[in-house]
Protein backbone atom coordinates (compact mmCIF):
# COMPACT_ATOMS: atom_id res chain seq x y z
CA MET A 1 91.28 141.54 108.32
CA ALA A 2 89.92 139.77 111.23
CA ARG A 3 87.19 138.15 108.81
CA TYR A 4 90.69 136.39 107.48
CA GLY A 5 91.89 135.49 110.85
CA ARG A 6 88.28 133.96 111.61
CA THR A 7 88.31 132.03 108.71
CA VAL A 8 91.39 130.68 109.19
CA SER A 9 90.87 129.73 112.48
CA LEU A 10 87.14 128.03 111.43
CA GLY A 11 89.88 126.07 108.89
CA LEU A 12 91.63 124.86 111.83
CA VAL A 13 88.81 124.13 113.89
CA ILE A 14 87.06 121.98 111.43
CA VAL A 15 90.07 120.10 110.22
CA PHE A 16 90.92 119.37 113.77
CA PHE A 17 87.43 117.75 114.10
CA VAL A 18 87.29 116.38 111.00
CA PHE A 19 90.84 114.81 110.44
CA PRO A 20 91.89 114.54 113.83
CA SER A 21 94.24 111.69 112.90
CA MET A 22 96.42 113.74 111.14
CA VAL A 23 96.25 115.98 114.12
CA LEU A 24 97.33 113.72 116.56
CA SER A 25 98.90 111.09 115.08
CA ALA A 26 102.07 109.97 117.00
CA GLU A 27 105.22 108.60 115.98
CA TYR A 28 106.66 105.38 117.46
CA TRP A 29 109.87 103.81 116.74
CA VAL A 30 109.69 100.05 116.47
CA GLY A 31 111.54 98.79 119.97
CA GLY A 32 111.34 102.45 121.75
CA VAL A 33 114.85 103.62 119.94
CA PRO A 34 116.23 104.15 116.49
CA ASP A 35 118.23 101.48 116.95
CA GLY A 36 115.17 99.18 119.22
CA TRP A 37 114.52 96.70 115.97
CA GLY A 38 118.30 95.82 115.83
CA MET A 39 118.51 94.89 119.88
CA PHE A 40 117.75 91.22 120.34
CA GLU A 41 117.40 91.42 123.86
CA GLU A 42 114.21 93.65 123.52
CA ASP A 43 110.88 92.49 124.65
CA TYR A 44 109.17 93.85 121.59
CA MET A 45 105.57 92.42 122.70
CA ASN A 46 105.71 94.04 126.37
CA TRP A 47 107.14 97.07 124.20
CA ALA A 48 103.96 97.40 121.81
CA ALA A 49 101.69 96.08 124.81
CA SER A 50 102.80 99.81 126.61
CA LYS A 51 101.70 101.61 123.75
CA THR A 52 98.15 102.84 122.47
CA PHE A 53 98.21 103.12 118.75
CA HIS A 54 95.62 104.82 116.89
CA VAL A 55 94.71 105.39 113.42
CA GLY A 56 97.03 107.50 111.34
CA ASP A 57 100.17 106.55 114.06
CA VAL A 58 103.34 106.27 112.47
CA LEU A 59 105.57 102.92 113.12
CA ARG A 60 109.43 103.92 112.18
CA ASP A 61 111.81 101.29 111.65
CA TYR A 62 115.73 101.26 111.52
CA ASP A 63 117.12 98.42 109.71
CA SER A 64 120.52 97.57 110.40
CA LYS A 65 120.63 95.41 107.08
CA ILE A 66 120.58 92.06 109.36
CA HIS A 67 116.70 92.58 109.70
CA ASP A 68 113.63 93.02 108.32
CA LEU A 69 109.86 94.09 109.32
CA VAL A 70 107.13 92.01 107.94
CA VAL A 71 103.78 92.95 108.15
CA ALA A 72 102.22 89.37 108.19
CA ALA A 73 98.97 88.90 106.53
CA ASN A 74 97.07 87.08 109.63
CA SER A 75 97.81 85.52 113.02
CA ASP A 76 98.78 81.90 111.55
CA LEU A 77 101.19 83.31 109.52
CA TYR A 78 102.60 85.49 112.53
CA GLU A 79 102.57 82.57 114.68
CA GLN A 80 104.39 80.23 112.22
CA CYS A 81 106.25 83.58 111.40
CA ASN A 82 106.19 82.82 107.49
CA PRO A 83 106.89 85.97 105.51
CA THR A 84 104.41 84.87 102.61
CA PRO A 85 102.12 86.17 101.88
CA ASN A 86 102.50 89.38 103.62
CA LEU A 87 101.16 92.83 103.54
CA GLY A 88 104.43 94.42 103.40
CA VAL A 89 108.04 94.03 104.34
CA TYR A 90 110.36 97.13 105.02
CA GLN A 91 113.94 96.53 104.34
CA THR A 92 115.56 99.30 103.02
CA GLY A 93 117.04 101.62 105.56
CA MET A 94 115.10 104.44 107.80
CA GLU A 95 111.27 103.37 106.60
CA SER A 96 107.83 104.65 108.05
CA LEU A 97 104.37 102.73 107.91
CA THR A 98 101.33 104.75 108.76
CA LEU A 99 98.71 102.75 109.88
CA PRO A 100 95.88 103.32 107.83
CA VAL A 101 92.93 101.66 109.35
CA ALA A 102 91.97 99.76 113.19
CA GLY A 103 92.25 96.43 113.58
CA THR A 104 95.02 93.91 114.66
CA TYR A 105 98.61 94.45 113.06
CA TYR A 106 101.56 91.77 113.20
CA PHE A 107 104.84 92.22 112.34
CA PHE A 108 107.89 90.02 112.87
CA CYS A 109 111.54 90.07 111.49
CA SER A 110 111.83 87.14 109.04
CA PHE A 111 115.68 86.35 109.93
CA HIS A 112 115.25 86.28 113.71
CA CYS A 113 112.18 85.25 114.08
CA HIS A 114 112.31 82.03 115.44
CA PRO A 115 115.48 81.84 117.20
CA PHE A 116 115.04 85.51 119.13
CA ALA A 117 111.55 85.73 118.77
CA MET A 118 111.63 89.47 117.09
CA LYS A 119 107.84 89.56 116.67
CA PHE A 120 104.92 91.76 118.08
CA TYR A 121 101.49 92.70 117.29
CA ILE A 122 99.82 95.87 118.07
CA ASN A 123 95.87 96.38 118.09
CA VAL A 124 94.83 100.08 116.28
CA THR A 125 91.85 101.77 117.44
C-alpha cells in the first residue's frame, strides 16, 4: 500500500513540474468582474496592466448580447479597431479563452471600440 502512495505522489510531482501551466493557471474575467466587459466606464487597459498573464491562464467573457470580444490578428488591426482578419470572435455568451502561447494578445469590442475605447492588450509569459 505504501508503494502505491509513493507512485501517486511521484506522479503528482511530475505533473506539477512538467505541466505547471495546467496546475497553476489563473482565471480572469475581462474587466475584473463577471459583468465587467459590459461596463462602458471600465478602464480596460488599466485592468489588463494590473494583471500578470501566463500561458494556460483563462480569460472569461460575459457577453450581454451588445458586445463581442475580438482577438485582433496584430497591433495595427487593434489600433484601427478592425475586426477582420482576426484570431477569433467570442459573442455567444459565457465564454472562455485559454491563452495557449506566450506573446501579446490584442482584444476589443467591434461594436464599441471607437466610441468607448473598449479594448485592451495583454502580454503573456
